[in-house]
Amino acid sequence: ESSAIPCAEAAIALIRTRTSDTET
């Protein structure tokens, strides 16, 4: 959330909707 990495929002969405840690 505090980074300048372009994929930040997509990565956060992947993490918050994860069902499998390995797949995430």
mmCIF file of all heavy atoms, coordinates in Angstrom:
data_MODEL
# 
_entry.id   MODEL 
# 
loop_
_atom_site.group_PDB 
_atom_site.id 
_atom_site.type_symbol 
_atom_site.label_atom_id 
_atom_site.label_alt_id 
_atom_site.label_comp_id 
_atom_site.label_asym_id 
_atom_site.label_entity_id 
_atom_site.label_seq_id 
_atom_site.pdbx_PDB_ins_code 
_atom_site.Cartn_x 
_atom_site.Cartn_y 
_atom_site.Cartn_z 
_atom_site.occupancy 
_atom_site.B_iso_or_equiv 
_atom_site.pdbx_formal_charge 
_atom_site.auth_seq_id 
_atom_site.auth_comp_id 
_atom_site.auth_asym_id 
_atom_site.auth_atom_id 
_atom_site.pdbx_PDB_model_num 
ATOM 1   N N   . GLU A 1 1  ? 0.816   -1.220  0.000   1.00 0.00 ? 1  GLU A N   1 
ATOM 2   C CA  . GLU A 1 1  ? 0.000   0.000   0.000   1.00 0.00 ? 1  GLU A CA  1 
ATOM 3   C C   . GLU A 1 1  ? 0.845   1.264   0.000   1.00 0.00 ? 1  GLU A C   1 
ATOM 4   O O   . GLU A 1 1  ? 0.442   2.287   -0.556  1.00 0.00 ? 1  GLU A O   1 
ATOM 5   C CB  . GLU A 1 1  ? -0.937  -0.008  1.219   1.00 0.00 ? 1  GLU A CB  1 
ATOM 6   C CG  . GLU A 1 1  ? -2.072  -1.020  1.108   1.00 0.00 ? 1  GLU A CG  1 
ATOM 7   C CD  . GLU A 1 1  ? -2.862  -1.152  2.394   1.00 0.00 ? 1  GLU A CD  1 
ATOM 8   O OE1 . GLU A 1 1  ? -2.407  -0.575  3.416   1.00 0.00 ? 1  GLU A OE1 1 
ATOM 9   O OE2 . GLU A 1 1  ? -3.910  -1.817  2.392   1.00 0.00 ? 1  GLU A OE2 1 
ATOM 10  N N   . SER A 1 2  ? 2.027   1.206   0.617   1.00 0.00 ? 2  SER A N   1 
ATOM 11  C CA  . SER A 1 2  ? 2.881   2.394   0.703   1.00 0.00 ? 2  SER A CA  1 
ATOM 12  C C   . SER A 1 2  ? 4.027   2.361   -0.301  1.00 0.00 ? 2  SER A C   1 
ATOM 13  O O   . SER A 1 2  ? 4.923   3.201   -0.238  1.00 0.00 ? 2  SER A O   1 
ATOM 14  C CB  . SER A 1 2  ? 3.449   2.527   2.114   1.00 0.00 ? 2  SER A CB  1 
ATOM 15  O OG  . SER A 1 2  ? 4.210   1.384   2.467   1.00 0.00 ? 2  SER A OG  1 
ATOM 16  N N   . SER A 1 3  ? 4.006   1.390   -1.231  1.00 0.00 ? 3  SER A N   1 
ATOM 17  C CA  . SER A 1 3  ? 5.100   1.253   -2.184  1.00 0.00 ? 3  SER A CA  1 
ATOM 18  C C   . SER A 1 3  ? 4.757   1.912   -3.515  1.00 0.00 ? 3  SER A C   1 
ATOM 19  O O   . SER A 1 3  ? 3.599   2.281   -3.764  1.00 0.00 ? 3  SER A O   1 
ATOM 20  C CB  . SER A 1 3  ? 5.424   -0.227  -2.428  1.00 0.00 ? 3  SER A CB  1 
ATOM 21  O OG  . SER A 1 3  ? 4.433   -0.816  -3.250  1.00 0.00 ? 3  SER A OG  1 
ATOM 22  N N   . ALA A 1 4  ? 5.768   2.042   -4.369  1.00 0.00 ? 4  ALA A N   1 
ATOM 23  C CA  . ALA A 1 4  ? 5.586   2.608   -5.703  1.00 0.00 ? 4  ALA A CA  1 
ATOM 24  C C   . ALA A 1 4  ? 5.588   1.533   -6.780  1.00 0.00 ? 4  ALA A C   1 
ATOM 25  O O   . ALA A 1 4  ? 5.724   1.836   -7.967  1.00 0.00 ? 4  ALA A O   1 
ATOM 26  C CB  . ALA A 1 4  ? 6.687   3.629   -5.983  1.00 0.00 ? 4  ALA A CB  1 
ATOM 27  N N   . ILE A 1 5  ? 5.446   0.277   -6.393  1.00 0.00 ? 5  ILE A N   1 
ATOM 28  C CA  . ILE A 1 5  ? 5.449   -0.820  -7.358  1.00 0.00 ? 5  ILE A CA  1 
ATOM 29  C C   . ILE A 1 5  ? 4.137   -0.805  -8.144  1.00 0.00 ? 5  ILE A C   1 
ATOM 30  O O   . ILE A 1 5  ? 3.051   -0.799  -7.548  1.00 0.00 ? 5  ILE A O   1 
ATOM 31  C CB  . ILE A 1 5  ? 5.629   -2.165  -6.637  1.00 0.00 ? 5  ILE A CB  1 
ATOM 32  C CG1 . ILE A 1 5  ? 7.001   -2.205  -5.947  1.00 0.00 ? 5  ILE A CG1 1 
ATOM 33  C CG2 . ILE A 1 5  ? 5.501   -3.327  -7.611  1.00 0.00 ? 5  ILE A CG2 1 
ATOM 34  C CD1 . ILE A 1 5  ? 7.269   -3.465  -5.178  1.00 0.00 ? 5  ILE A CD1 1 
ATOM 35  N N   . PRO A 1 6  ? 4.183   -0.778  -9.481  1.00 0.00 ? 6  PRO A N   1 
ATOM 36  C CA  . PRO A 1 6  ? 2.957   -0.655  -10.280 1.00 0.00 ? 6  PRO A CA  1 
ATOM 37  C C   . PRO A 1 6  ? 1.919   -1.738  -10.024 1.00 0.00 ? 6  PRO A C   1 
ATOM 38  O O   . PRO A 1 6  ? 0.731   -1.510  -10.185 1.00 0.00 ? 6  PRO A O   1 
ATOM 39  C CB  . PRO A 1 6  ? 3.480   -0.712  -11.722 1.00 0.00 ? 6  PRO A CB  1 
ATOM 40  C CG  . PRO A 1 6  ? 4.894   -0.232  -11.629 1.00 0.00 ? 6  PRO A CG  1 
ATOM 41  C CD  . PRO A 1 6  ? 5.400   -0.743  -10.313 1.00 0.00 ? 6  PRO A CD  1 
ATOM 42  N N   . CYS A 1 7  ? 2.359   -2.931  -9.652  1.00 0.00 ? 7  CYS A N   1 
ATOM 43  C CA  . CYS A 1 7  ? 1.423   -4.040  -9.489  1.00 0.00 ? 7  CYS A CA  1 
ATOM 44  C C   . CYS A 1 7  ? 0.809   -4.087  -8.099  1.00 0.00 ? 7  CYS A C   1 
ATOM 45  O O   . CYS A 1 7  ? 0.154   -5.061  -7.754  1.00 0.00 ? 7  CYS A O   1 
ATOM 46  C CB  . CYS A 1 7  ? 2.137   -5.361  -9.757  1.00 0.00 ? 7  CYS A CB  1 
ATOM 47  S SG  . CYS A 1 7  ? 3.245   -5.848  -8.400  1.00 0.00 ? 7  CYS A SG  1 
ATOM 48  N N   . ALA A 1 8  ? 0.998   -3.065  -7.277  1.00 0.00 ? 8  ALA A N   1 
ATOM 49  C CA  . ALA A 1 8  ? 0.607   -3.127  -5.864  1.00 0.00 ? 8  ALA A CA  1 
ATOM 50  C C   . ALA A 1 8  ? -0.861  -3.491  -5.690  1.00 0.00 ? 8  ALA A C   1 
ATOM 51  O O   . ALA A 1 8  ? -1.205  -4.384  -4.911  1.00 0.00 ? 8  ALA A O   1 
ATOM 52  C CB  . ALA A 1 8  ? 0.920   -1.802  -5.182  1.00 0.00 ? 8  ALA A CB  1 
ATOM 53  N N   . GLU A 1 9  ? -1.748  -2.817  -6.416  1.00 0.00 ? 9  GLU A N   1 
ATOM 54  C CA  . GLU A 1 9  ? -3.179  -3.081  -6.240  1.00 0.00 ? 9  GLU A CA  1 
ATOM 55  C C   . GLU A 1 9  ? -3.535  -4.500  -6.665  1.00 0.00 ? 9  GLU A C   1 
ATOM 56  O O   . GLU A 1 9  ? -4.320  -5.173  -5.992  1.00 0.00 ? 9  GLU A O   1 
ATOM 57  C CB  . GLU A 1 9  ? -3.986  -2.068  -7.046  1.00 0.00 ? 9  GLU A CB  1 
ATOM 58  C CG  . GLU A 1 9  ? -3.882  -0.640  -6.509  1.00 0.00 ? 9  GLU A CG  1 
ATOM 59  C CD  . GLU A 1 9  ? -4.800  0.313   -7.263  1.00 0.00 ? 9  GLU A CD  1 
ATOM 60  O OE1 . GLU A 1 9  ? -5.536  -0.174  -8.168  1.00 0.00 ? 9  GLU A OE1 1 
ATOM 61  O OE2 . GLU A 1 9  ? -4.787  1.509   -6.959  1.00 0.00 ? 9  GLU A OE2 1 
ATOM 62  N N   . ALA A 1 10 ? -2.962  -4.959  -7.777  1.00 0.00 ? 10 ALA A N   1 
ATOM 63  C CA  . ALA A 1 10 ? -3.240  -6.325  -8.226  1.00 0.00 ? 10 ALA A CA  1 
ATOM 64  C C   . ALA A 1 10 ? -2.716  -7.343  -7.229  1.00 0.00 ? 10 ALA A C   1 
ATOM 65  O O   . ALA A 1 10 ? -3.375  -8.357  -6.949  1.00 0.00 ? 10 ALA A O   1 
ATOM 66  C CB  . ALA A 1 10 ? -2.610  -6.556  -9.601  1.00 0.00 ? 10 ALA A CB  1 
ATOM 67  N N   . ALA A 1 11 ? -1.538  -7.091  -6.669  1.00 0.00 ? 11 ALA A N   1 
ATOM 68  C CA  . ALA A 1 11 ? -0.969  -8.025  -5.694  1.00 0.00 ? 11 ALA A CA  1 
ATOM 69  C C   . ALA A 1 11 ? -1.813  -8.056  -4.426  1.00 0.00 ? 11 ALA A C   1 
ATOM 70  O O   . ALA A 1 11 ? -2.065  -9.134  -3.860  1.00 0.00 ? 11 ALA A O   1 
ATOM 71  C CB  . ALA A 1 11 ? 0.462   -7.610  -5.367  1.00 0.00 ? 11 ALA A CB  1 
ATOM 72  N N   . ILE A 1 12 ? -2.264  -6.899  -3.969  1.00 0.00 ? 12 ILE A N   1 
ATOM 73  C CA  . ILE A 1 12 ? -3.107  -6.846  -2.766  1.00 0.00 ? 12 ILE A CA  1 
ATOM 74  C C   . ILE A 1 12 ? -4.408  -7.606  -2.997  1.00 0.00 ? 12 ILE A C   1 
ATOM 75  O O   . ILE A 1 12 ? -4.886  -8.343  -2.116  1.00 0.00 ? 12 ILE A O   1 
ATOM 76  C CB  . ILE A 1 12 ? -3.388  -5.377  -2.379  1.00 0.00 ? 12 ILE A CB  1 
ATOM 77  C CG1 . ILE A 1 12 ? -2.094  -4.709  -1.905  1.00 0.00 ? 12 ILE A CG1 1 
ATOM 78  C CG2 . ILE A 1 12 ? -4.451  -5.302  -1.291  1.00 0.00 ? 12 ILE A CG2 1 
ATOM 79  C CD1 . ILE A 1 12 ? -2.223  -3.220  -1.683  1.00 0.00 ? 12 ILE A CD1 1 
ATOM 80  N N   . ALA A 1 13 ? -4.988  -7.447  -4.191  1.00 0.00 ? 13 ALA A N   1 
ATOM 81  C CA  . ALA A 1 13 ? -6.217  -8.173  -4.502  1.00 0.00 ? 13 ALA A CA  1 
ATOM 82  C C   . ALA A 1 13 ? -6.000  -9.676  -4.484  1.00 0.00 ? 13 ALA A C   1 
ATOM 83  O O   . ALA A 1 13 ? -6.842  -10.434 -3.976  1.00 0.00 ? 13 ALA A O   1 
ATOM 84  C CB  . ALA A 1 13 ? -6.741  -7.723  -5.866  1.00 0.00 ? 13 ALA A CB  1 
ATOM 85  N N   . LEU A 1 14 ? -4.865  -10.130 -5.022  1.00 0.00 ? 14 LEU A N   1 
ATOM 86  C CA  . LEU A 1 14 ? -4.559  -11.560 -4.997  1.00 0.00 ? 14 LEU A CA  1 
ATOM 87  C C   . LEU A 1 14 ? -4.454  -12.075 -3.563  1.00 0.00 ? 14 LEU A C   1 
ATOM 88  O O   . LEU A 1 14 ? -4.932  -13.164 -3.243  1.00 0.00 ? 14 LEU A O   1 
ATOM 89  C CB  . LEU A 1 14 ? -3.240  -11.818 -5.741  1.00 0.00 ? 14 LEU A CB  1 
ATOM 90  C CG  . LEU A 1 14 ? -3.256  -11.750 -7.267  1.00 0.00 ? 14 LEU A CG  1 
ATOM 91  C CD1 . LEU A 1 14 ? -1.843  -11.936 -7.809  1.00 0.00 ? 14 LEU A CD1 1 
ATOM 92  C CD2 . LEU A 1 14 ? -4.182  -12.823 -7.841  1.00 0.00 ? 14 LEU A CD2 1 
ATOM 93  N N   . ILE A 1 15 ? -3.797  -11.291 -2.715  1.00 0.00 ? 15 ILE A N   1 
ATOM 94  C CA  . ILE A 1 15 ? -3.567  -11.725 -1.333  1.00 0.00 ? 15 ILE A CA  1 
ATOM 95  C C   . ILE A 1 15 ? -4.880  -11.779 -0.551  1.00 0.00 ? 15 ILE A C   1 
ATOM 96  O O   . ILE A 1 15 ? -5.167  -12.739 0.166   1.00 0.00 ? 15 ILE A O   1 
ATOM 97  C CB  . ILE A 1 15 ? -2.562  -10.786 -0.653  1.00 0.00 ? 15 ILE A CB  1 
ATOM 98  C CG1 . ILE A 1 15 ? -1.184  -10.908 -1.330  1.00 0.00 ? 15 ILE A CG1 1 
ATOM 99  C CG2 . ILE A 1 15 ? -2.457  -11.086 0.837   1.00 0.00 ? 15 ILE A CG2 1 
ATOM 100 C CD1 . ILE A 1 15 ? -0.195  -9.854  -0.903  1.00 0.00 ? 15 ILE A CD1 1 
ATOM 101 N N   . ARG A 1 16 ? -5.710  -10.749 -0.692  1.00 0.00 ? 16 ARG A N   1 
ATOM 102 C CA  . ARG A 1 16 ? -6.937  -10.659 0.110   1.00 0.00 ? 16 ARG A CA  1 
ATOM 103 C C   . ARG A 1 16 ? -8.008  -11.631 -0.344  1.00 0.00 ? 16 ARG A C   1 
ATOM 104 O O   . ARG A 1 16 ? -8.929  -11.939 0.428   1.00 0.00 ? 16 ARG A O   1 
ATOM 105 C CB  . ARG A 1 16 ? -7.456  -9.225  0.073   1.00 0.00 ? 16 ARG A CB  1 
ATOM 106 C CG  . ARG A 1 16 ? -6.559  -8.266  0.865   1.00 0.00 ? 16 ARG A CG  1 
ATOM 107 C CD  . ARG A 1 16 ? -7.050  -6.841  0.805   1.00 0.00 ? 16 ARG A CD  1 
ATOM 108 N NE  . ARG A 1 16 ? -6.241  -5.977  1.682   1.00 0.00 ? 16 ARG A NE  1 
ATOM 109 C CZ  . ARG A 1 16 ? -6.306  -4.649  1.702   1.00 0.00 ? 16 ARG A CZ  1 
ATOM 110 N NH1 . ARG A 1 16 ? -7.147  -4.011  0.885   1.00 0.00 ? 16 ARG A NH1 1 
ATOM 111 N NH2 . ARG A 1 16 ? -5.548  -3.954  2.524   1.00 0.00 ? 16 ARG A NH2 1 
ATOM 112 N N   . THR A 1 17 ? -7.927  -12.114 -1.573  1.00 0.00 ? 17 THR A N   1 
ATOM 113 C CA  . THR A 1 17 ? -8.921  -13.073 -2.057  1.00 0.00 ? 17 THR A CA  1 
ATOM 114 C C   . THR A 1 17 ? -8.348  -14.483 -2.166  1.00 0.00 ? 17 THR A C   1 
ATOM 115 O O   . THR A 1 17 ? -8.960  -15.344 -2.801  1.00 0.00 ? 17 THR A O   1 
ATOM 116 C CB  . THR A 1 17 ? -9.429  -12.637 -3.452  1.00 0.00 ? 17 THR A CB  1 
ATOM 117 O OG1 . THR A 1 17 ? -8.328  -12.562 -4.374  1.00 0.00 ? 17 THR A OG1 1 
ATOM 118 C CG2 . THR A 1 17 ? -10.112 -11.275 -3.363  1.00 0.00 ? 17 THR A CG2 1 
ATOM 119 N N   . ARG A 1 18 ? -7.212  -14.722 -1.551  1.00 0.00 ? 18 ARG A N   1 
ATOM 120 C CA  . ARG A 1 18 ? -6.539  -16.010 -1.700  1.00 0.00 ? 18 ARG A CA  1 
ATOM 121 C C   . ARG A 1 18 ? -7.330  -17.131 -1.029  1.00 0.00 ? 18 ARG A C   1 
ATOM 122 O O   . ARG A 1 18 ? -7.936  -16.935 0.034   1.00 0.00 ? 18 ARG A O   1 
ATOM 123 C CB  . ARG A 1 18 ? -5.129  -15.959 -1.112  1.00 0.00 ? 18 ARG A CB  1 
ATOM 124 C CG  . ARG A 1 18 ? -5.064  -15.872 0.399   1.00 0.00 ? 18 ARG A CG  1 
ATOM 125 C CD  . ARG A 1 18 ? -3.632  -15.679 0.897   1.00 0.00 ? 18 ARG A CD  1 
ATOM 126 N NE  . ARG A 1 18 ? -3.538  -15.722 2.340   1.00 0.00 ? 18 ARG A NE  1 
ATOM 127 C CZ  . ARG A 1 18 ? -3.804  -14.701 3.130   1.00 0.00 ? 18 ARG A CZ  1 
ATOM 128 N NH1 . ARG A 1 18 ? -4.198  -13.540 2.600   1.00 0.00 ? 18 ARG A NH1 1 
ATOM 129 N NH2 . ARG A 1 18 ? -3.693  -14.823 4.436   1.00 0.00 ? 18 ARG A NH2 1 
ATOM 130 N N   . THR A 1 19 ? -7.314  -18.277 -1.656  1.00 0.00 ? 19 THR A N   1 
ATOM 131 C CA  . THR A 1 19 ? -7.867  -19.495 -1.071  1.00 0.00 ? 19 THR A CA  1 
ATOM 132 C C   . THR A 1 19 ? -6.777  -20.531 -0.862  1.00 0.00 ? 19 THR A C   1 
ATOM 133 O O   . THR A 1 19 ? -6.952  -21.471 -0.095  1.00 0.00 ? 19 THR A O   1 
ATOM 134 C CB  . THR A 1 19 ? -8.960  -20.088 -1.988  1.00 0.00 ? 19 THR A CB  1 
ATOM 135 O OG1 . THR A 1 19 ? -8.407  -20.310 -3.290  1.00 0.00 ? 19 THR A OG1 1 
ATOM 136 C CG2 . THR A 1 19 ? -10.136 -19.119 -2.095  1.00 0.00 ? 19 THR A CG2 1 
ATOM 137 N N   . SER A 1 20 ? -5.653  -20.358 -1.562  1.00 0.00 ? 20 SER A N   1 
ATOM 138 C CA  . SER A 1 20 ? -4.513  -21.259 -1.425  1.00 0.00 ? 20 SER A CA  1 
ATOM 139 C C   . SER A 1 20 ? -3.243  -20.424 -1.370  1.00 0.00 ? 20 SER A C   1 
ATOM 140 O O   . SER A 1 20 ? -2.970  -19.638 -2.290  1.00 0.00 ? 20 SER A O   1 
ATOM 141 C CB  . SER A 1 20 ? -4.454  -22.231 -2.611  1.00 0.00 ? 20 SER A CB  1 
ATOM 142 O OG  . SER A 1 20 ? -3.198  -22.888 -2.677  1.00 0.00 ? 20 SER A OG  1 
ATOM 143 N N   . ASP A 1 21 ? -2.473  -20.578 -0.286  1.00 0.00 ? 21 ASP A N   1 
ATOM 144 C CA  . ASP A 1 21 ? -1.221  -19.832 -0.159  1.00 0.00 ? 21 ASP A CA  1 
ATOM 145 C C   . ASP A 1 21 ? -0.249  -20.201 -1.276  1.00 0.00 ? 21 ASP A C   1 
ATOM 146 O O   . ASP A 1 21 ? 0.430   -19.332 -1.832  1.00 0.00 ? 21 ASP A O   1 
ATOM 147 C CB  . ASP A 1 21 ? -0.576  -20.108 1.200   1.00 0.00 ? 21 ASP A CB  1 
ATOM 148 C CG  . ASP A 1 21 ? -1.305  -19.390 2.326   1.00 0.00 ? 21 ASP A CG  1 
ATOM 149 O OD1 . ASP A 1 21 ? -2.228  -18.606 2.035   1.00 0.00 ? 21 ASP A OD1 1 
ATOM 150 O OD2 . ASP A 1 21 ? -0.948  -19.610 3.495   1.00 0.00 ? 21 ASP A OD2 1 
ATOM 151 N N   . THR A 1 22 ? -0.189  -21.475 -1.615  1.00 0.00 ? 22 THR A N   1 
ATOM 152 C CA  . THR A 1 22 ? 0.741   -21.926 -2.654  1.00 0.00 ? 22 THR A CA  1 
ATOM 153 C C   . THR A 1 22 ? 0.409   -21.300 -3.999  1.00 0.00 ? 22 THR A C   1 
ATOM 154 O O   . THR A 1 22 ? 1.289   -20.800 -4.712  1.00 0.00 ? 22 THR A O   1 
ATOM 155 C CB  . THR A 1 22 ? 0.710   -23.460 -2.769  1.00 0.00 ? 22 THR A CB  1 
ATOM 156 O OG1 . THR A 1 22 ? 1.075   -24.041 -1.505  1.00 0.00 ? 22 THR A OG1 1 
ATOM 157 C CG2 . THR A 1 22 ? 1.680   -23.950 -3.838  1.00 0.00 ? 22 THR A CG2 1 
ATOM 158 N N   . GLU A 1 23 ? -0.868  -21.305 -4.358  1.00 0.00 ? 23 GLU A N   1 
ATOM 159 C CA  . GLU A 1 23 ? -1.281  -20.727 -5.634  1.00 0.00 ? 23 GLU A CA  1 
ATOM 160 C C   . GLU A 1 23 ? -1.076  -19.211 -5.638  1.00 0.00 ? 23 GLU A C   1 
ATOM 161 O O   . GLU A 1 23 ? -0.672  -18.639 -6.655  1.00 0.00 ? 23 GLU A O   1 
ATOM 162 C CB  . GLU A 1 23 ? -2.751  -21.065 -5.904  1.00 0.00 ? 23 GLU A CB  1 
ATOM 163 C CG  . GLU A 1 23 ? -3.305  -20.444 -7.180  1.00 0.00 ? 23 GLU A CG  1 
ATOM 164 C CD  . GLU A 1 23 ? -2.574  -20.894 -8.433  1.00 0.00 ? 23 GLU A CD  1 
ATOM 165 O OE1 . GLU A 1 23 ? -1.973  -21.994 -8.411  1.00 0.00 ? 23 GLU A OE1 1 
ATOM 166 O OE2 . GLU A 1 23 ? -2.608  -20.151 -9.439  1.00 0.00 ? 23 GLU A OE2 1 
ATOM 167 N N   . THR A 1 24 ? -1.352  -18.562 -4.518  1.00 0.00 ? 24 THR A N   1 
ATOM 168 C CA  . THR A 1 24 ? -1.164  -17.113 -4.447  1.00 0.00 ? 24 THR A CA  1 
ATOM 169 C C   . THR A 1 24 ? 0.302   -16.739 -4.654  1.00 0.00 ? 24 THR A C   1 
ATOM 170 O O   . THR A 1 24 ? 0.618   -15.789 -5.375  1.00 0.00 ? 24 THR A O   1 
ATOM 171 C CB  . THR A 1 24 ? -1.651  -16.576 -3.089  1.00 0.00 ? 24 THR A CB  1 
ATOM 172 O OG1 . THR A 1 24 ? -3.040  -16.887 -2.932  1.00 0.00 ? 24 THR A OG1 1 
ATOM 173 C CG2 . THR A 1 24 ? -1.459  -15.066 -3.000  1.00 0.00 ? 24 THR A CG2 1 
# 
